[in-house]
Structures are given as C-alpha cells and as structure tokens.
Amino acid sequence: MKKKKKKKVLVLYPSGNYLYPTTGGELYDSYLFKRILFSGQIDMSFFTKDHTRRINKWLLPAYILWSCRRIGSYDAVFLNSGWFAQSIWLLYFFRIFYPKLKVYVIHHHFRYQEMSGIKRQLQYMLEWLGLGVSFAIITPNPYTHSLIKQMRPDSRTVFLEKAFKKDVPTCSCYVLKQLLFVGTVYQRKGLLYLLEAIGQMSEKERSGIHLDIVGDLSQKKYYKCLLSLVHLYGLEDIVTFVGRISDEELRSYYSRAYCFVFPSLLEGYGMVLIEAMSYGLPVIAFDNSAIPFTVKNDRNGILVRNKSILDLKKAILKLCVDTDYHRKLCDGALDTYRNARSLSDLDIDIENFVINELIN
C-alpha cells in the first residue's frame, strides 16, 4: 500500500521567538507548533528571524517570497497577527495567486486597543483586513474570540483555548506586604500606574511594603521613565527591578510573595495570572480586556477601575491590612488554578485540529 504523503506547512515567524519564548503569546505559539510536529503527520518548515539576515522589516514579505519560491508546494501557512503591518500585502498575494493555500492567522489580541487617534483607526482597519483575508483565525482566549466575532462575524475561527501545566500547587509563604509583578516591562503593562499608587501612599501606609518587578527590561526608554518615578517618590528601598531570571529563581519570588499586582492595560488572556494563582496568590488588576475572565472580584482577587491610581492604592492597602480577606482570596486563587484547563485538554484540541483542518 502506498504511503500517504504528509501535508506541508510553512510557519512564517520573522519577529518574536518561538524557539526561546519569553511572552505568553510566544509560549502558546511555540507549544502549538511543537504539538503539530509531534503528531508526525505534518511536514513543517520554519522561516524565522534567523533567516531574515537583518533585512528591513518592511521588505521582509518580498524577501520571504524570494526565499520561499516554491510557496505553491505548501498546503498551509501559519503566521502571527502581530506582523500584520508588514505582511498584509503578502496575505493578499497568497489569496490571489495561491487561492488553495490555507492561511492560518494566530491572533492573541487586538493591537488597536493599545492606540489612540488616527493610529488606532489605521490599526483597526489593518486588523480588519488581515483577519478577513485569512483562511481561518486561530485564537487561544474567549475574550479575543468574542471580539473577532463582532469585528468579522463571517470569519472562520479555530478556538484552541490556552491551557496550563497542572502541577501540585506550591503555596507561597505569604511574606506580609511583599508585592510581585511578573511580565515584560513596557508601556502596555501599566507599571507607571502601580508606581504612582505606591508613591502616593503616606509614609505610614507604605511602611513595610516592597515591590519586586520581574521581567525583561530591554525597553530602555520606558524603563528610564519608571526609574525617574521611583526617584521622584523616593521608592528606591521599596521597588526592586529584578530583570529576567531563570524559572527556578522565578519560583522563589512567587513562593514568598503576599499578592500579585498586575496593572496591565490590555491582555488577550494573561497567562501569568493563572501562574500566580497556582501559588495561591490573590491578584490585584485593572478591570479591562480579558482580565475579568480570570480575575473574579472578591473571589480570587480585586478588580480595580481601569487606570484608577487611587483605587489601585486602596486595593493594595486593603489586602495588606485585612489578612482574613487575603486568606479568602488565596483560597479562591487556588480554586481557579485547580479548575483551569490542563495541557492534556489542549493536546486533544490540537490533535483534532491537525486531523480536521490540516489533513482532511
């Protein structure tokens, strides 16, 4: 019997890093690609930033077409929507000249929500066009999935919801007033609001409070802005910028934190929220985007009015003072983690996706 020929898939990933992921989105994409490969039924090729040879990002689509001249031999292409600004005409090129090619766009969140004015309008149009021209949209979270259906009700969506490695919970020892933030340090994470909230506390209120900020500090301009705020309020002994650390070191920070403070201004999911709750940490976060899908007010954390420095300050102080309330939220955080989807659930979804979308 003749052996069935494997389907060929090309992954276009010229920005970001799926091999050594640092963000929640990259972690998800990396896991998805590895599971598709693990099926043994797909022949995958990758075009990553290692292949770009420092080509100008606006010239990348043309370089990709030249480098992958046999694009017609592929059955499907994967790319991340974060690359829409440069790749939009490439998507239309595929649609016109390779109509049988299945183009799957992985969409974590809508970037237009981060913007304002004319930039917001242009980005909205870009995402509207990009999602519309794709064969199907892969999304890992219910919040973004609902927005896609509002923006593009006629689109094909593949909902492969995020999942988590379900280890036995390791509870923090809850060092009183030890606050923790984990995430890439850049504007969307809203750290200016957190530093303002601590800075506006009286000396008595901030007594004993300490904040560890763990995450990549490569956005130097924003990092300097945060340092200026630390100096302005005299928070040098209260705020520590830890930078990127190993997984083992990160566990030690989680294991002594009292609560997790996450002032992000936009999240497609916020995987770090579940990670924090796996240590029994209650979460204080702004009430925006996908965050309320995970953080339930008065159950596993405190939802704060979006961008309200005063409310953020009050929430931190309330949790630091009311230990009974803190204990209640700790229990709720652990319950949330226990009820979260496991990787085995996602593995089944990906296996079905491979069979139903890529093979059949």
Protein backbone atom coordinates (compact mmCIF):
# COMPACT_ATOMS: atom_id res chain seq x y z
CA MET A 1 0.00 0.00 0.00
CA LYS A 2 1.35 3.40 -0.99
CA LYS A 3 2.37 5.55 1.96
CA LYS A 4 0.23 8.66 2.31
CA LYS A 5 2.15 11.85 1.58
CA LYS A 6 2.48 14.24 4.51
CA LYS A 7 0.87 17.65 4.31
CA LYS A 8 3.36 20.52 4.09
CA VAL A 9 3.08 23.55 6.36
CA LEU A 10 5.15 26.74 6.34
CA VAL A 11 5.44 28.79 9.54
CA LEU A 12 6.32 32.46 8.97
CA TYR A 13 7.73 33.80 12.24
CA PRO A 14 10.18 36.60 11.32
CA SER A 15 9.53 38.54 14.54
CA GLY A 16 9.35 37.18 18.07
CA ASN A 17 10.92 33.91 19.16
CA TYR A 18 9.01 30.65 19.21
CA LEU A 19 12.17 28.62 19.98
CA TYR A 20 13.01 30.55 23.16
CA PRO A 21 9.70 32.18 24.04
CA THR A 22 9.50 34.95 26.63
CA THR A 23 5.93 36.22 26.30
CA GLY A 24 2.67 34.38 26.86
CA GLY A 25 1.87 34.62 23.16
CA GLU A 26 5.22 33.17 22.12
CA LEU A 27 4.84 30.35 24.65
CA TYR A 28 1.47 29.46 23.18
CA ASP A 29 2.67 29.61 19.56
CA SER A 30 5.72 27.51 20.40
CA TYR A 31 3.60 24.85 22.09
CA LEU A 32 1.15 24.77 19.18
CA PHE A 33 3.89 24.25 16.59
CA LYS A 34 5.59 21.55 18.67
CA ARG A 35 2.35 19.63 19.12
CA ILE A 36 1.60 19.80 15.39
CA LEU A 37 5.09 18.42 14.70
CA PHE A 38 4.62 15.78 17.40
CA SER A 39 1.62 14.40 15.52
CA GLY A 40 4.08 13.01 12.98
CA GLN A 41 1.60 13.67 10.18
CA ILE A 42 2.77 17.12 9.10
CA ASP A 43 5.98 18.23 7.39
CA MET A 44 6.72 21.70 8.82
CA SER A 45 9.16 24.32 7.56
CA PHE A 46 10.02 27.47 9.50
CA PHE A 47 11.00 30.95 8.39
CA THR A 48 12.21 32.81 11.49
CA LYS A 49 14.19 35.94 12.28
CA ASP A 50 17.34 33.82 11.92
CA HIS A 51 16.58 33.70 8.18
CA THR A 52 15.99 37.42 7.73
CA ARG A 53 19.65 38.46 7.56
CA ARG A 54 18.79 41.82 9.13
CA ILE A 55 16.51 42.70 6.24
CA ASN A 56 14.41 45.83 6.81
CA LYS A 57 11.10 44.69 8.32
CA TRP A 58 9.09 46.40 5.56
CA LEU A 59 11.00 44.42 2.92
CA LEU A 60 10.54 41.09 4.69
CA PRO A 61 7.43 39.96 2.75
CA ALA A 62 9.28 40.38 -0.56
CA TYR A 63 12.31 38.58 0.87
CA ILE A 64 10.08 35.75 2.08
CA LEU A 65 8.57 35.32 -1.38
CA TRP A 66 12.04 35.20 -2.88
CA SER A 67 13.36 32.79 -0.22
CA CYS A 68 10.30 30.52 -0.32
CA ARG A 69 9.86 30.48 -4.09
CA ARG A 70 8.06 27.13 -4.02
CA ILE A 71 5.26 28.51 -1.87
CA GLY A 72 2.76 26.70 -4.08
CA SER A 73 4.06 23.35 -2.81
CA TYR A 74 2.74 24.06 0.69
CA ASP A 75 -0.74 23.16 1.87
CA ALA A 76 -0.93 25.73 4.67
CA VAL A 77 0.85 28.76 6.11
CA PHE A 78 0.87 29.96 9.72
CA LEU A 79 1.65 33.49 10.86
CA ASN A 80 1.02 35.71 13.87
CA SER A 81 -1.24 38.76 13.52
CA GLY A 82 1.36 40.90 15.32
CA TRP A 83 3.09 41.02 11.95
CA PHE A 84 0.09 42.40 10.03
CA ALA A 85 1.58 45.85 9.37
CA GLN A 86 4.30 44.34 7.20
CA SER A 87 2.56 41.20 5.96
CA ILE A 88 -0.87 42.46 4.88
CA TRP A 89 0.01 42.64 1.18
CA LEU A 90 1.62 39.19 1.43
CA LEU A 91 -1.72 37.80 2.64
CA TYR A 92 -3.48 39.29 -0.37
CA PHE A 93 -0.76 37.92 -2.64
CA PHE A 94 -1.43 34.44 -1.26
CA ARG A 95 -5.19 34.91 -1.66
CA ILE A 96 -4.92 35.98 -5.31
CA PHE A 97 -2.14 33.74 -6.65
CA TYR A 98 -2.49 30.71 -4.34
CA PRO A 99 -6.23 30.50 -3.62
CA LYS A 100 -5.96 26.88 -2.41
CA LEU A 101 -3.31 27.75 0.19
CA LYS A 102 -4.77 27.71 3.71
CA VAL A 103 -3.51 30.75 5.62
CA TYR A 104 -3.96 30.44 9.39
CA VAL A 105 -3.52 33.62 11.41
CA ILE A 106 -2.80 33.23 15.15
CA HIS A 107 -4.49 36.15 16.88
CA HIS A 108 -3.87 36.81 20.59
CA HIS A 109 -5.21 40.32 21.00
CA PHE A 110 -6.24 43.42 19.07
CA ARG A 111 -3.37 45.90 18.99
CA TYR A 112 -5.62 48.80 18.02
CA GLN A 113 -6.88 48.77 21.61
CA GLU A 114 -3.45 49.97 22.77
CA MET A 115 -3.59 53.02 20.50
CA SER A 116 -5.45 56.30 20.14
CA GLY A 117 -6.36 58.77 17.41
CA ILE A 118 -5.50 58.09 13.79
CA LYS A 119 -3.12 55.27 14.73
CA ARG A 120 -5.98 53.42 16.37
CA GLN A 121 -8.19 53.80 13.29
CA LEU A 122 -5.44 52.65 10.93
CA GLN A 123 -4.57 49.65 13.09
CA TYR A 124 -8.24 48.69 13.35
CA MET A 125 -8.52 48.73 9.56
CA LEU A 126 -5.31 46.73 9.23
CA GLU A 127 -6.57 44.03 11.58
CA TRP A 128 -9.99 44.03 9.94
CA LEU A 129 -8.38 43.45 6.53
CA GLY A 130 -5.84 40.90 7.77
CA LEU A 131 -8.36 38.75 9.59
CA GLY A 132 -10.77 38.95 6.69
CA VAL A 133 -8.32 37.69 4.09
CA SER A 134 -7.13 34.70 6.15
CA PHE A 135 -8.46 31.18 5.61
CA ALA A 136 -9.04 30.81 9.34
CA ILE A 137 -8.15 32.59 12.58
CA ILE A 138 -6.66 30.64 15.46
CA THR A 139 -7.34 32.28 18.81
CA PRO A 140 -6.48 30.96 22.28
CA ASN A 141 -8.76 33.01 24.50
CA PRO A 142 -12.51 33.64 24.86
CA TYR A 143 -12.16 37.43 25.06
CA THR A 144 -10.40 37.81 21.71
CA HIS A 145 -12.66 35.15 20.22
CA SER A 146 -15.72 37.23 21.09
CA LEU A 147 -14.16 40.39 19.61
CA ILE A 148 -13.30 38.58 16.37
CA LYS A 149 -16.93 37.52 16.02
CA GLN A 150 -18.01 41.14 16.49
CA MET A 151 -15.49 42.52 14.01
CA ARG A 152 -15.63 39.68 11.48
CA PRO A 153 -18.84 37.65 12.05
CA ASP A 154 -18.31 35.82 8.75
CA SER A 155 -14.78 34.66 9.60
CA ARG A 156 -13.70 31.07 10.26
CA THR A 157 -12.28 30.79 13.75
CA VAL A 158 -10.46 27.90 15.37
CA PHE A 159 -10.73 28.21 19.14
CA LEU A 160 -7.77 26.40 20.73
CA GLU A 161 -8.08 27.70 24.27
CA LYS A 162 -4.96 28.15 26.34
CA ALA A 163 -4.14 25.57 28.97
CA PHE A 164 -1.67 25.14 31.79
CA LYS A 165 0.73 22.61 33.20
CA LYS A 166 -1.15 21.30 36.23
CA ASP A 167 1.41 20.63 38.93
CA VAL A 168 0.59 20.16 42.59
CA PRO A 169 0.11 23.74 43.85
CA THR A 170 3.08 25.17 45.75
CA CYS A 171 1.64 27.80 48.05
CA SER A 172 3.54 30.95 48.84
CA CYS A 173 4.68 31.53 52.40
CA TYR A 174 2.99 34.95 52.05
CA VAL A 175 5.60 37.39 53.34
CA LEU A 176 3.41 40.27 54.54
CA LYS A 177 3.27 43.26 52.17
CA GLN A 178 5.59 41.61 49.62
CA LEU A 179 4.11 42.62 46.25
CA LEU A 180 5.07 40.96 42.98
CA PHE A 181 4.74 41.84 39.30
CA VAL A 182 5.90 39.46 36.56
CA GLY A 183 5.93 40.41 32.89
CA THR A 184 7.83 42.26 30.19
CA VAL A 185 8.43 45.82 31.36
CA TYR A 186 6.89 48.04 28.72
CA GLN A 187 4.08 50.55 28.40
CA ARG A 188 1.16 48.16 27.93
CA LYS A 189 1.83 46.56 31.32
CA GLY A 190 0.83 49.77 33.12
CA LEU A 191 3.64 49.88 35.68
CA LEU A 192 3.52 53.67 35.80
CA TYR A 193 0.12 53.37 37.48
CA LEU A 194 1.46 50.92 40.05
CA LEU A 195 4.44 53.10 40.95
CA GLU A 196 2.15 56.13 41.20
CA ALA A 197 -0.17 54.19 43.53
CA ILE A 198 2.68 53.30 45.88
CA GLY A 199 4.23 56.74 45.53
CA GLN A 200 1.01 58.44 46.61
CA MET A 201 0.82 56.41 49.82
CA SER A 202 1.80 58.16 53.02
CA GLU A 203 5.00 57.01 54.73
CA LYS A 204 2.87 55.19 57.28
CA GLU A 205 0.79 53.45 54.59
CA ARG A 206 3.80 52.28 52.60
CA SER A 207 5.71 51.11 55.68
CA GLY A 208 6.86 47.52 55.18
CA ILE A 209 5.65 47.34 51.56
CA HIS A 210 8.09 46.05 48.96
CA LEU A 211 7.52 45.52 45.24
CA ASP A 212 9.57 43.17 43.07
CA ILE A 213 9.26 43.79 39.33
CA VAL A 214 10.39 40.68 37.47
CA GLY A 215 10.71 40.73 33.70
CA ASP A 216 12.64 41.83 30.65
CA LEU A 217 13.96 45.41 30.86
CA SER A 218 15.01 45.83 27.23
CA GLN A 219 12.56 48.69 26.61
CA LYS A 220 15.13 51.19 27.88
CA LYS A 221 13.15 54.38 27.32
CA TYR A 222 10.19 53.12 29.35
CA TYR A 223 12.48 51.63 32.00
CA LYS A 224 14.19 55.01 32.47
CA CYS A 225 10.77 56.63 32.84
CA LEU A 226 9.92 54.17 35.62
CA LEU A 227 13.25 54.81 37.34
CA SER A 228 12.56 58.54 37.27
CA LEU A 229 9.25 57.93 39.02
CA VAL A 230 10.95 55.76 41.64
CA HIS A 231 13.41 58.58 42.36
CA LEU A 232 10.66 61.20 42.36
CA TYR A 233 8.73 59.42 45.12
CA GLY A 234 11.78 58.14 46.97
CA LEU A 235 10.92 54.48 46.41
CA GLU A 236 14.48 53.21 45.99
CA ASP A 237 14.20 50.98 49.07
CA ILE A 238 10.67 49.84 48.19
CA VAL A 239 10.87 48.93 44.49
CA THR A 240 13.33 46.42 43.02
CA PHE A 241 13.71 45.88 39.27
CA VAL A 242 14.84 42.27 39.11
CA GLY A 243 15.02 41.83 35.33
CA ARG A 244 14.77 38.47 33.55
CA ILE A 245 15.55 35.45 35.68
CA SER A 246 15.53 31.66 35.42
CA ASP A 247 12.40 29.61 36.07
CA GLU A 248 13.90 28.37 39.32
CA GLU A 249 14.57 31.92 40.52
CA LEU A 250 11.08 32.96 39.47
CA ARG A 251 9.58 30.22 41.61
CA SER A 252 11.41 31.63 44.62
CA TYR A 253 9.82 35.05 44.05
CA TYR A 254 6.35 33.55 43.72
CA SER A 255 6.96 31.45 46.83
CA ARG A 256 7.43 34.42 49.12
CA ALA A 257 5.03 36.95 47.60
CA TYR A 258 1.98 38.18 49.51
CA CYS A 259 -0.03 39.14 46.44
CA PHE A 260 0.35 39.63 42.70
CA VAL A 261 -0.25 43.10 41.29
CA PHE A 262 -0.90 43.29 37.55
CA PRO A 263 -1.80 46.79 36.27
CA SER A 264 -1.82 45.78 32.60
CA LEU A 265 -3.82 47.99 30.26
CA LEU A 266 -4.62 45.25 27.75
CA GLU A 267 -4.45 41.45 27.80
CA GLY A 268 -5.66 38.84 25.37
CA TYR A 269 -5.56 36.30 28.17
CA GLY A 270 -2.88 36.98 30.79
CA MET A 271 -1.32 33.55 31.35
CA VAL A 272 0.74 34.97 34.19
CA LEU A 273 -2.46 35.44 36.22
CA ILE A 274 -3.04 31.68 36.39
CA GLU A 275 0.65 31.16 37.06
CA ALA A 276 0.42 33.48 40.08
CA MET A 277 -2.76 31.78 41.30
CA SER A 278 -1.01 28.40 41.17
CA TYR A 279 0.95 29.68 44.19
CA GLY A 280 -2.25 30.77 45.90
CA LEU A 281 -1.57 34.44 45.24
CA PRO A 282 -4.56 36.78 45.05
CA VAL A 283 -4.38 39.17 42.11
CA ILE A 284 -4.97 42.92 42.03
CA ALA A 285 -5.60 44.05 38.46
CA PHE A 286 -7.34 46.66 36.35
CA ASP A 287 -10.81 45.75 35.09
CA ASN A 288 -10.18 45.72 31.34
CA SER A 289 -9.94 43.48 28.28
CA ALA A 290 -9.60 39.75 29.13
CA ILE A 291 -8.59 40.19 32.77
CA PRO A 292 -12.14 39.76 34.23
CA PHE A 293 -12.30 36.34 32.53
CA THR A 294 -9.71 35.17 35.07
CA VAL A 295 -9.77 37.60 37.99
CA LYS A 296 -13.10 37.44 39.81
CA ASN A 297 -13.61 40.34 42.20
CA ASP A 298 -13.76 39.30 45.87
CA ARG A 299 -13.23 35.64 44.90
CA ASN A 300 -9.63 35.29 43.76
CA GLY A 301 -8.54 38.91 43.60
CA ILE A 302 -9.58 42.53 43.36
CA LEU A 303 -10.64 44.17 40.11
CA VAL A 304 -9.81 47.87 40.10
CA ARG A 305 -11.44 50.57 37.99
CA ASN A 306 -9.32 50.86 34.87
CA LYS A 307 -6.37 53.27 35.19
CA SER A 308 -7.53 54.49 38.61
CA ILE A 309 -4.40 55.12 40.69
CA LEU A 310 -6.48 55.88 43.78
CA ASP A 311 -8.46 52.63 43.56
CA LEU A 312 -5.27 50.66 42.92
CA LYS A 313 -3.71 52.18 46.04
CA LYS A 314 -6.81 51.36 48.11
CA ALA A 315 -6.86 47.75 46.88
CA ILE A 316 -3.20 47.19 47.81
CA LEU A 317 -3.68 48.68 51.27
CA LYS A 318 -6.88 46.71 51.87
CA LEU A 319 -5.19 43.42 51.09
CA CYS A 320 -2.14 44.27 53.20
CA VAL A 321 -4.25 45.20 56.23
CA ASP A 322 -7.11 42.67 56.12
CA THR A 323 -5.42 39.28 56.48
CA ASP A 324 -8.75 37.41 56.73
CA TYR A 325 -9.82 38.87 53.39
CA HIS A 326 -6.39 37.98 51.98
CA ARG A 327 -6.79 34.36 53.13
CA LYS A 328 -10.21 34.13 51.47
CA LEU A 329 -8.79 35.35 48.15
CA CYS A 330 -5.84 32.95 48.44
CA ASP A 331 -8.27 30.03 48.65
CA GLY A 332 -10.15 31.38 45.63
CA ALA A 333 -6.92 31.74 43.66
CA LEU A 334 -6.03 28.09 44.26
CA ASP A 335 -9.53 27.00 43.24
CA THR A 336 -9.18 28.96 39.99
CA TYR A 337 -5.89 27.23 39.23
CA ARG A 338 -7.27 23.77 40.00
CA ASN A 339 -10.21 24.37 37.65
CA ALA A 340 -8.12 25.77 34.79
CA ARG A 341 -7.68 23.75 31.60
CA SER A 342 -4.76 21.33 31.58
CA LEU A 343 -2.31 20.80 28.73
CA SER A 344 -3.88 17.41 28.04
CA ASP A 345 -7.11 19.25 27.15
CA LEU A 346 -5.25 21.46 24.69
CA ASP A 347 -3.39 18.46 23.26
CA ILE A 348 -6.71 16.85 22.33
CA ASP A 349 -7.90 20.08 20.68
CA ILE A 350 -4.68 20.38 18.65
CA GLU A 351 -4.87 16.73 17.60
CA ASN A 352 -8.41 17.30 16.31
CA PHE A 353 -7.26 20.48 14.56
CA VAL A 354 -4.49 18.60 12.76
CA ILE A 355 -6.89 15.90 11.61
CA ASN A 356 -9.85 18.08 10.65
CA GLU A 357 -8.05 21.15 9.29
CA LEU A 358 -4.61 20.17 8.04
CA ILE A 359 -5.02 16.56 6.92
CA ASN A 360 -8.63 16.18 5.75
